[in-house]
Amino acid sequence: YKNSLFIIGGGHCSLALSKLMRGMDYYITVFEEREGLNTLQRNEYAHEVIYVDDYSALTNLIPSGPSQYVVIMTFGYRSDDVAIRSLLGKRFHYIGVLGSKSKIDKMFSEYSREGIQADLLEKIHAPIGININSQTPEEIAVSIAAEIIKVKNFSAT
């Protein structure tokens, strides 16, 4: 595989994104904290599923690289925050976070107040995906996949 897609979170949107991206040139790894999650058990599209005790472990599990794509779509604000913080400073071809604009604005305002460098935050696509007024996990997956493809095909690594 030419590219690696790391999906943080194993819910409905993760399942839909894994299914969609499986047909492309991505090795898909899903990370999840919650064992026994129904949608993760049904995810036959990911090449690997890795359970972590805490998303802070991602620092050592996801390497930087020009062929690395990261999508953060955990079940909540706190877990998204832990995942983002664990990956700040790493270099990826793409990193994005699923969430409402108000949630993203709140998180990034907090990061700025803490002194996290603006150039680190500017590299994060958030809210993730192309705006197509997505409603279902499958539509959300299409919007995310479209953004990833756009970044892959139109930006320098």
N, C-alpha and C. Protein backbone atom coordinates (compact mmCIF):
# COMPACT_ATOMS: atom_id res chain seq x y z
N TYR A 1 0.83 -1.18 0.00
CA TYR A 1 0.00 0.00 0.00
C TYR A 1 0.87 1.24 0.00
N LYS A 2 0.49 2.17 -0.83
CA LYS A 2 1.26 3.41 -0.93
C LYS A 2 0.99 4.34 0.25
N ASN A 3 -0.24 4.33 0.77
CA ASN A 3 -0.65 5.25 1.82
C ASN A 3 -1.20 4.50 3.03
N SER A 4 -1.11 5.14 4.18
CA SER A 4 -1.69 4.60 5.41
C SER A 4 -2.76 5.55 5.91
N LEU A 5 -3.92 5.00 6.24
CA LEU A 5 -5.01 5.77 6.81
C LEU A 5 -5.22 5.28 8.24
N PHE A 6 -5.04 6.19 9.18
CA PHE A 6 -5.24 5.88 10.59
C PHE A 6 -6.55 6.54 11.02
N ILE A 7 -7.50 5.73 11.42
CA ILE A 7 -8.80 6.24 11.87
C ILE A 7 -8.85 6.08 13.38
N ILE A 8 -9.04 7.19 14.07
CA ILE A 8 -9.10 7.18 15.53
C ILE A 8 -10.57 7.19 15.92
N GLY A 9 -11.05 6.09 16.42
CA GLY A 9 -12.45 5.91 16.76
C GLY A 9 -13.07 4.85 15.88
N GLY A 10 -13.90 4.02 16.48
CA GLY A 10 -14.45 2.88 15.74
C GLY A 10 -15.95 2.88 15.59
N GLY A 11 -16.58 4.04 15.63
CA GLY A 11 -18.04 4.13 15.53
C GLY A 11 -18.58 4.00 14.12
N HIS A 12 -19.82 4.44 13.93
CA HIS A 12 -20.52 4.31 12.65
C HIS A 12 -19.80 5.00 11.50
N CYS A 13 -19.31 6.20 11.73
CA CYS A 13 -18.61 6.93 10.66
C CYS A 13 -17.29 6.26 10.31
N SER A 14 -16.63 5.70 11.30
CA SER A 14 -15.38 4.96 11.07
C SER A 14 -15.64 3.73 10.21
N LEU A 15 -16.71 3.03 10.50
CA LEU A 15 -17.07 1.84 9.71
C LEU A 15 -17.35 2.24 8.27
N ALA A 16 -18.13 3.29 8.06
CA ALA A 16 -18.45 3.75 6.71
C ALA A 16 -17.20 4.23 5.97
N LEU A 17 -16.31 4.96 6.65
CA LEU A 17 -15.08 5.44 6.02
C LEU A 17 -14.15 4.28 5.67
N SER A 18 -14.03 3.32 6.56
CA SER A 18 -13.20 2.14 6.29
C SER A 18 -13.69 1.41 5.05
N LYS A 19 -14.99 1.23 4.96
CA LYS A 19 -15.58 0.54 3.81
C LYS A 19 -15.28 1.28 2.51
N LEU A 20 -15.45 2.58 2.53
CA LEU A 20 -15.24 3.39 1.33
C LEU A 20 -13.77 3.43 0.92
N MET A 21 -12.88 3.61 1.88
CA MET A 21 -11.46 3.76 1.57
C MET A 21 -10.76 2.43 1.29
N ARG A 22 -11.38 1.32 1.65
CA ARG A 22 -10.77 0.00 1.44
C ARG A 22 -10.47 -0.24 -0.04
N GLY A 23 -11.30 0.30 -0.92
CA GLY A 23 -11.10 0.11 -2.35
C GLY A 23 -10.03 0.99 -2.96
N MET A 24 -9.43 1.84 -2.16
CA MET A 24 -8.37 2.73 -2.64
C MET A 24 -7.04 2.25 -2.08
N ASP A 25 -5.97 2.93 -2.42
CA ASP A 25 -4.63 2.47 -2.06
C ASP A 25 -4.22 2.93 -0.66
N TYR A 26 -5.00 2.49 0.35
CA TYR A 26 -4.73 2.86 1.74
C TYR A 26 -4.72 1.60 2.60
N TYR A 27 -3.71 1.50 3.45
CA TYR A 27 -3.70 0.48 4.49
C TYR A 27 -4.41 1.11 5.67
N ILE A 28 -5.51 0.53 6.10
CA ILE A 28 -6.39 1.14 7.09
C ILE A 28 -6.19 0.52 8.46
N THR A 29 -5.88 1.39 9.44
CA THR A 29 -5.76 0.98 10.83
C THR A 29 -6.75 1.80 11.64
N VAL A 30 -7.55 1.12 12.45
CA VAL A 30 -8.51 1.79 13.32
C VAL A 30 -8.05 1.61 14.76
N PHE A 31 -8.05 2.71 15.51
CA PHE A 31 -7.72 2.71 16.93
C PHE A 31 -8.99 3.01 17.72
N GLU A 32 -9.17 2.28 18.82
CA GLU A 32 -10.37 2.47 19.65
C GLU A 32 -10.03 2.16 21.11
N GLU A 33 -10.70 2.88 22.02
CA GLU A 33 -10.56 2.65 23.46
C GLU A 33 -11.60 1.67 23.99
N ARG A 34 -12.74 1.63 23.34
CA ARG A 34 -13.88 0.86 23.86
C ARG A 34 -13.88 -0.55 23.27
N GLU A 35 -13.62 -1.54 24.10
CA GLU A 35 -13.67 -2.93 23.62
C GLU A 35 -15.13 -3.37 23.50
N GLY A 36 -15.38 -4.27 22.56
CA GLY A 36 -16.72 -4.81 22.38
C GLY A 36 -17.66 -3.90 21.61
N LEU A 37 -17.14 -2.85 21.02
CA LEU A 37 -17.97 -1.91 20.27
C LEU A 37 -18.54 -2.61 19.03
N ASN A 38 -19.85 -2.61 18.91
CA ASN A 38 -20.55 -3.31 17.83
C ASN A 38 -20.05 -2.92 16.44
N THR A 39 -19.92 -1.64 16.19
CA THR A 39 -19.51 -1.19 14.85
C THR A 39 -18.08 -1.60 14.55
N LEU A 40 -17.25 -1.68 15.55
CA LEU A 40 -15.87 -2.09 15.34
C LEU A 40 -15.79 -3.59 15.07
N GLN A 41 -16.63 -4.35 15.74
CA GLN A 41 -16.67 -5.79 15.50
C GLN A 41 -17.17 -6.11 14.08
N ARG A 42 -17.98 -5.22 13.53
CA ARG A 42 -18.50 -5.42 12.16
C ARG A 42 -17.55 -4.87 11.10
N ASN A 43 -16.48 -4.19 11.51
CA ASN A 43 -15.59 -3.55 10.56
C ASN A 43 -14.61 -4.57 9.96
N GLU A 44 -15.03 -5.17 8.87
CA GLU A 44 -14.21 -6.15 8.15
C GLU A 44 -13.35 -5.46 7.09
N TYR A 45 -13.43 -4.15 7.00
CA TYR A 45 -12.74 -3.40 5.95
C TYR A 45 -11.37 -2.89 6.40
N ALA A 46 -11.22 -2.64 7.69
CA ALA A 46 -9.93 -2.19 8.21
C ALA A 46 -8.95 -3.36 8.16
N HIS A 47 -7.71 -3.05 7.81
CA HIS A 47 -6.68 -4.08 7.79
C HIS A 47 -6.24 -4.45 9.21
N GLU A 48 -6.29 -3.46 10.10
CA GLU A 48 -5.91 -3.67 11.50
C GLU A 48 -6.84 -2.90 12.41
N VAL A 49 -7.14 -3.50 13.56
CA VAL A 49 -7.86 -2.82 14.62
C VAL A 49 -6.99 -2.92 15.86
N ILE A 50 -6.70 -1.79 16.47
CA ILE A 50 -5.84 -1.76 17.65
C ILE A 50 -6.60 -1.10 18.79
N TYR A 51 -6.72 -1.84 19.88
CA TYR A 51 -7.34 -1.28 21.08
C TYR A 51 -6.26 -0.62 21.93
N VAL A 52 -6.56 0.57 22.41
CA VAL A 52 -5.64 1.31 23.28
C VAL A 52 -6.36 1.61 24.59
N ASP A 53 -5.58 1.69 25.67
CA ASP A 53 -6.17 2.06 26.96
C ASP A 53 -6.56 3.52 26.98
N ASP A 54 -5.79 4.32 26.24
CA ASP A 54 -6.01 5.75 26.21
C ASP A 54 -5.43 6.27 24.89
N TYR A 55 -6.09 7.25 24.30
CA TYR A 55 -5.62 7.76 23.00
C TYR A 55 -4.27 8.48 23.09
N SER A 56 -3.79 8.75 24.29
CA SER A 56 -2.46 9.34 24.40
C SER A 56 -1.39 8.38 23.89
N ALA A 57 -1.70 7.09 23.80
CA ALA A 57 -0.76 6.09 23.28
C ALA A 57 -0.48 6.29 21.79
N LEU A 58 -1.31 7.07 21.13
CA LEU A 58 -1.14 7.28 19.68
C LEU A 58 0.20 7.92 19.35
N THR A 59 0.75 8.67 20.29
CA THR A 59 2.05 9.32 20.08
C THR A 59 3.08 8.30 19.60
N ASN A 60 3.06 7.13 20.19
CA ASN A 60 4.03 6.09 19.85
C ASN A 60 3.53 5.09 18.81
N LEU A 61 2.26 5.15 18.45
CA LEU A 61 1.69 4.16 17.54
C LEU A 61 1.52 4.66 16.10
N ILE A 62 1.45 5.97 15.92
CA ILE A 62 1.26 6.52 14.58
C ILE A 62 2.49 7.33 14.20
N PRO A 63 3.23 6.84 13.21
CA PRO A 63 4.44 7.56 12.80
C PRO A 63 4.13 8.73 11.87
N SER A 64 4.99 9.73 11.91
CA SER A 64 4.91 10.82 10.95
C SER A 64 5.28 10.27 9.58
N GLY A 65 4.86 10.99 8.54
CA GLY A 65 5.28 10.60 7.21
C GLY A 65 4.44 11.22 6.12
N PRO A 66 5.01 11.34 4.92
CA PRO A 66 4.31 11.99 3.81
C PRO A 66 3.19 11.15 3.21
N SER A 67 3.09 9.88 3.58
CA SER A 67 2.02 9.02 3.08
C SER A 67 1.06 8.62 4.19
N GLN A 68 1.07 9.39 5.28
CA GLN A 68 0.24 9.10 6.44
C GLN A 68 -0.96 10.06 6.46
N TYR A 69 -2.13 9.47 6.61
CA TYR A 69 -3.38 10.22 6.68
C TYR A 69 -4.06 9.83 7.99
N VAL A 70 -4.52 10.84 8.74
CA VAL A 70 -5.12 10.59 10.05
C VAL A 70 -6.49 11.25 10.11
N VAL A 71 -7.47 10.48 10.57
CA VAL A 71 -8.82 10.99 10.77
C VAL A 71 -9.21 10.72 12.22
N ILE A 72 -9.52 11.78 12.95
CA ILE A 72 -9.93 11.65 14.35
C ILE A 72 -11.44 11.78 14.41
N MET A 73 -12.09 10.71 14.86
CA MET A 73 -13.55 10.68 14.95
C MET A 73 -13.97 9.81 16.14
N THR A 74 -13.55 10.23 17.32
CA THR A 74 -13.88 9.47 18.52
C THR A 74 -15.30 9.81 18.97
N PHE A 75 -15.68 9.26 20.11
CA PHE A 75 -17.05 9.42 20.58
C PHE A 75 -17.32 10.71 21.34
N GLY A 76 -16.28 11.54 21.56
CA GLY A 76 -16.56 12.74 22.32
C GLY A 76 -15.44 13.76 22.33
N TYR A 77 -15.76 14.89 22.89
CA TYR A 77 -14.84 16.03 22.97
C TYR A 77 -13.55 15.65 23.68
N ARG A 78 -13.65 15.02 24.86
CA ARG A 78 -12.47 14.69 25.65
C ARG A 78 -11.55 13.74 24.91
N SER A 79 -12.11 12.71 24.31
CA SER A 79 -11.26 11.73 23.62
C SER A 79 -10.67 12.32 22.34
N ASP A 80 -11.41 13.18 21.64
CA ASP A 80 -10.84 13.90 20.49
C ASP A 80 -9.66 14.75 20.94
N ASP A 81 -9.84 15.43 22.06
CA ASP A 81 -8.79 16.30 22.60
C ASP A 81 -7.52 15.50 22.91
N VAL A 82 -7.67 14.36 23.56
CA VAL A 82 -6.51 13.52 23.90
C VAL A 82 -5.81 13.07 22.62
N ALA A 83 -6.59 12.65 21.62
CA ALA A 83 -6.02 12.18 20.35
C ALA A 83 -5.27 13.31 19.64
N ILE A 84 -5.87 14.48 19.59
CA ILE A 84 -5.23 15.63 18.93
C ILE A 84 -3.92 15.97 19.63
N ARG A 85 -3.97 16.08 20.93
CA ARG A 85 -2.76 16.45 21.69
C ARG A 85 -1.65 15.42 21.51
N SER A 86 -2.02 14.15 21.39
CA SER A 86 -1.01 13.10 21.24
C SER A 86 -0.32 13.17 19.89
N LEU A 87 -0.96 13.81 18.91
CA LEU A 87 -0.41 13.84 17.56
C LEU A 87 0.12 15.22 17.14
N LEU A 88 -0.07 16.23 17.97
CA LEU A 88 0.45 17.56 17.66
C LEU A 88 1.96 17.51 17.49
N GLY A 89 2.44 18.18 16.50
CA GLY A 89 3.88 18.20 16.26
C GLY A 89 4.35 17.13 15.30
N LYS A 90 3.51 16.13 15.04
CA LYS A 90 3.87 15.12 14.05
C LYS A 90 3.51 15.64 12.67
N ARG A 91 4.16 15.11 11.65
CA ARG A 91 3.91 15.55 10.28
C ARG A 91 3.18 14.45 9.52
N PHE A 92 2.02 14.81 8.98
CA PHE A 92 1.22 13.90 8.17
C PHE A 92 0.86 14.59 6.86
N HIS A 93 0.53 13.80 5.87
CA HIS A 93 0.04 14.40 4.64
C HIS A 93 -1.33 15.03 4.91
N TYR A 94 -2.08 14.40 5.82
CA TYR A 94 -3.43 14.88 6.13
C TYR A 94 -3.77 14.49 7.56
N ILE A 95 -4.35 15.42 8.29
CA ILE A 95 -4.95 15.12 9.59
C ILE A 95 -6.22 15.95 9.70
N GLY A 96 -7.30 15.30 10.12
CA GLY A 96 -8.58 15.97 10.24
C GLY A 96 -9.35 15.48 11.45
N VAL A 97 -10.27 16.33 11.91
CA VAL A 97 -11.08 16.02 13.08
C VAL A 97 -12.55 16.21 12.75
N LEU A 98 -13.34 15.18 13.04
CA LEU A 98 -14.78 15.24 12.85
C LEU A 98 -15.41 16.00 14.00
N GLY A 99 -16.37 16.86 13.70
CA GLY A 99 -17.08 17.57 14.76
C GLY A 99 -17.76 18.81 14.24
N SER A 100 -18.63 19.33 15.06
CA SER A 100 -19.34 20.56 14.68
C SER A 100 -18.36 21.72 14.69
N LYS A 101 -18.72 22.77 13.97
CA LYS A 101 -17.87 23.97 13.93
C LYS A 101 -17.72 24.56 15.33
N SER A 102 -18.78 24.55 16.11
CA SER A 102 -18.70 25.13 17.46
C SER A 102 -17.77 24.30 18.35
N LYS A 103 -17.81 22.99 18.23
CA LYS A 103 -16.90 22.14 19.01
C LYS A 103 -15.46 22.39 18.62
N ILE A 104 -15.20 22.46 17.33
CA ILE A 104 -13.84 22.68 16.83
C ILE A 104 -13.34 24.06 17.27
N ASP A 105 -14.19 25.08 17.12
CA ASP A 105 -13.81 26.44 17.53
C ASP A 105 -13.45 26.48 19.01
N LYS A 106 -14.24 25.81 19.84
CA LYS A 106 -14.00 25.78 21.28
C LYS A 106 -12.65 25.10 21.57
N MET A 107 -12.40 23.96 20.93
CA MET A 107 -11.14 23.24 21.16
C MET A 107 -9.94 24.09 20.74
N PHE A 108 -10.02 24.66 19.54
CA PHE A 108 -8.88 25.41 19.02
C PHE A 108 -8.65 26.71 19.79
N SER A 109 -9.71 27.32 20.30
CA SER A 109 -9.56 28.51 21.15
C SER A 109 -8.82 28.14 22.43
N GLU A 110 -9.17 27.01 23.00
CA GLU A 110 -8.49 26.53 24.21
C GLU A 110 -7.01 26.27 23.91
N TYR A 111 -6.73 25.63 22.79
CA TYR A 111 -5.34 25.36 22.41
C TYR A 111 -4.54 26.66 22.27
N SER A 112 -5.16 27.65 21.65
CA SER A 112 -4.49 28.94 21.47
C SER A 112 -4.21 29.60 22.82
N ARG A 113 -5.19 29.55 23.72
CA ARG A 113 -5.01 30.12 25.06
C ARG A 113 -3.88 29.42 25.81
N GLU A 114 -3.69 28.14 25.53
CA GLU A 114 -2.62 27.37 26.19
C GLU A 114 -1.26 27.63 25.55
N GLY A 115 -1.25 28.35 24.43
CA GLY A 115 0.02 28.66 23.79
C GLY A 115 0.45 27.66 22.73
N ILE A 116 -0.45 26.79 22.32
CA ILE A 116 -0.11 25.87 21.22
C ILE A 116 0.05 26.69 19.96
N GLN A 117 1.13 26.46 19.25
CA GLN A 117 1.48 27.27 18.08
C GLN A 117 0.40 27.18 16.99
N ALA A 118 0.07 28.32 16.43
CA ALA A 118 -0.96 28.41 15.39
C ALA A 118 -0.62 27.55 14.17
N ASP A 119 0.68 27.47 13.82
CA ASP A 119 1.04 26.69 12.63
C ASP A 119 0.75 25.21 12.82
N LEU A 120 0.77 24.70 14.04
CA LEU A 120 0.41 23.30 14.29
C LEU A 120 -1.09 23.10 14.09
N LEU A 121 -1.87 24.06 14.53
CA LEU A 121 -3.32 23.95 14.42
C LEU A 121 -3.80 24.15 12.99
N GLU A 122 -3.10 24.98 12.23
CA GLU A 122 -3.50 25.26 10.85
C GLU A 122 -3.38 24.05 9.95
N LYS A 123 -2.59 23.08 10.34
CA LYS A 123 -2.41 21.86 9.54
C LYS A 123 -3.57 20.89 9.70
N ILE A 124 -4.41 21.11 10.72
CA ILE A 124 -5.51 20.20 11.01
C ILE A 124 -6.76 20.63 10.23
N HIS A 125 -7.31 19.73 9.46
CA HIS A 125 -8.57 19.98 8.75
C HIS A 125 -9.70 19.78 9.75
N ALA A 126 -10.39 20.86 10.07
CA ALA A 126 -11.45 20.77 11.05
C ALA A 126 -12.43 21.92 10.86
N PRO A 127 -13.70 21.70 10.85
CA PRO A 127 -14.30 20.37 10.81
C PRO A 127 -13.92 19.64 9.52
N ILE A 128 -13.81 18.36 9.63
CA ILE A 128 -13.34 17.49 8.55
C ILE A 128 -14.38 17.36 7.43
N GLY A 129 -13.90 17.15 6.22
CA GLY A 129 -14.77 16.82 5.09
C GLY A 129 -15.16 18.01 4.24
N ILE A 130 -15.61 17.69 3.05
CA ILE A 130 -16.12 18.68 2.11
C ILE A 130 -17.57 18.97 2.51
N ASN A 131 -17.96 20.21 2.54
CA ASN A 131 -19.31 20.56 2.98
C ASN A 131 -20.34 20.17 1.92
N ILE A 132 -21.01 19.04 2.17
CA ILE A 132 -22.10 18.60 1.30
C ILE A 132 -23.37 18.36 2.13
N ASN A 133 -23.42 18.99 3.32
CA ASN A 133 -24.56 18.86 4.22
C ASN A 133 -24.84 17.39 4.55
N SER A 134 -23.77 16.66 4.84
CA SER A 134 -23.86 15.23 5.14
C SER A 134 -24.74 14.97 6.35
N GLN A 135 -25.54 13.90 6.28
CA GLN A 135 -26.43 13.55 7.37
C GLN A 135 -26.17 12.16 7.92
N THR A 136 -25.86 11.20 7.07
CA THR A 136 -25.67 9.81 7.50
C THR A 136 -24.18 9.49 7.60
N PRO A 137 -23.83 8.42 8.30
CA PRO A 137 -22.42 8.02 8.35
C PRO A 137 -21.82 7.81 6.96
N GLU A 138 -22.60 7.27 6.05
CA GLU A 138 -22.10 7.04 4.69
C GLU A 138 -21.84 8.35 3.96
N GLU A 139 -22.72 9.33 4.12
CA GLU A 139 -22.51 10.64 3.50
C GLU A 139 -21.32 11.35 4.13
N ILE A 140 -21.18 11.23 5.43
CA ILE A 140 -20.03 11.82 6.12
C ILE A 140 -18.74 11.20 5.59
N ALA A 141 -18.75 9.87 5.41
CA ALA A 141 -17.58 9.18 4.88
C ALA A 141 -17.23 9.67 3.49
N VAL A 142 -18.22 9.89 2.65
CA VAL A 142 -17.98 10.41 1.29
C VAL A 142 -17.33 11.79 1.37
N SER A 143 -17.84 12.66 2.26
CA SER A 143 -17.28 14.02 2.36
C SER A 143 -15.83 13.98 2.85
N ILE A 144 -15.53 13.09 3.78
CA ILE A 144 -14.16 12.95 4.29
C ILE A 144 -13.26 12.38 3.22
N ALA A 145 -13.72 11.32 2.55
CA ALA A 145 -12.92 10.70 1.49
C ALA A 145 -12.61 11.71 0.39
N ALA A 146 -13.59 12.53 0.03
CA ALA A 146 -13.38 13.54 -1.01
C ALA A 146 -12.30 14.53 -0.59
N GLU A 147 -12.32 14.95 0.67
CA GLU A 147 -11.31 15.89 1.15
C GLU A 147 -9.93 15.24 1.15
N ILE A 148 -9.84 14.00 1.60
CA ILE A 148 -8.57 13.28 1.60
C ILE A 148 -8.02 13.15 0.18
N ILE A 149 -8.87 12.77 -0.74
CA ILE A 149 -8.45 12.63 -2.14
C ILE A 149 -7.98 13.96 -2.70
N LYS A 150 -8.70 15.02 -2.38
CA LYS A 150 -8.31 16.35 -2.85
C LYS A 150 -6.93 16.72 -2.31
N VAL A 151 -6.71 16.51 -1.03
CA VAL A 151 -5.41 16.82 -0.44
C VAL A 151 -4.32 15.95 -1.06
N LYS A 152 -4.60 14.69 -1.23
CA LYS A 152 -3.62 13.76 -1.80
C LYS A 152 -3.24 14.16 -3.21
N ASN A 153 -4.20 14.54 -4.01
CA ASN A 153 -3.96 14.80 -5.42
C ASN A 153 -3.53 16.23 -5.75
N PHE A 154 -3.77 17.18 -4.83
CA PHE A 154 -3.49 18.57 -5.16
C PHE A 154 -2.48 19.26 -4.26
N SER A 155 -1.91 18.56 -3.31
CA SER A 155 -0.93 19.23 -2.44
C SER A 155 0.39 18.50 -2.48
N ALA A 156 1.44 19.25 -2.25
CA ALA A 156 2.78 18.66 -2.18
C ALA A 156 2.96 18.00 -0.84
N THR A 157 3.73 16.92 -0.81
CA THR A 157 3.96 16.21 0.46
C THR A 157 5.09 16.86 1.23
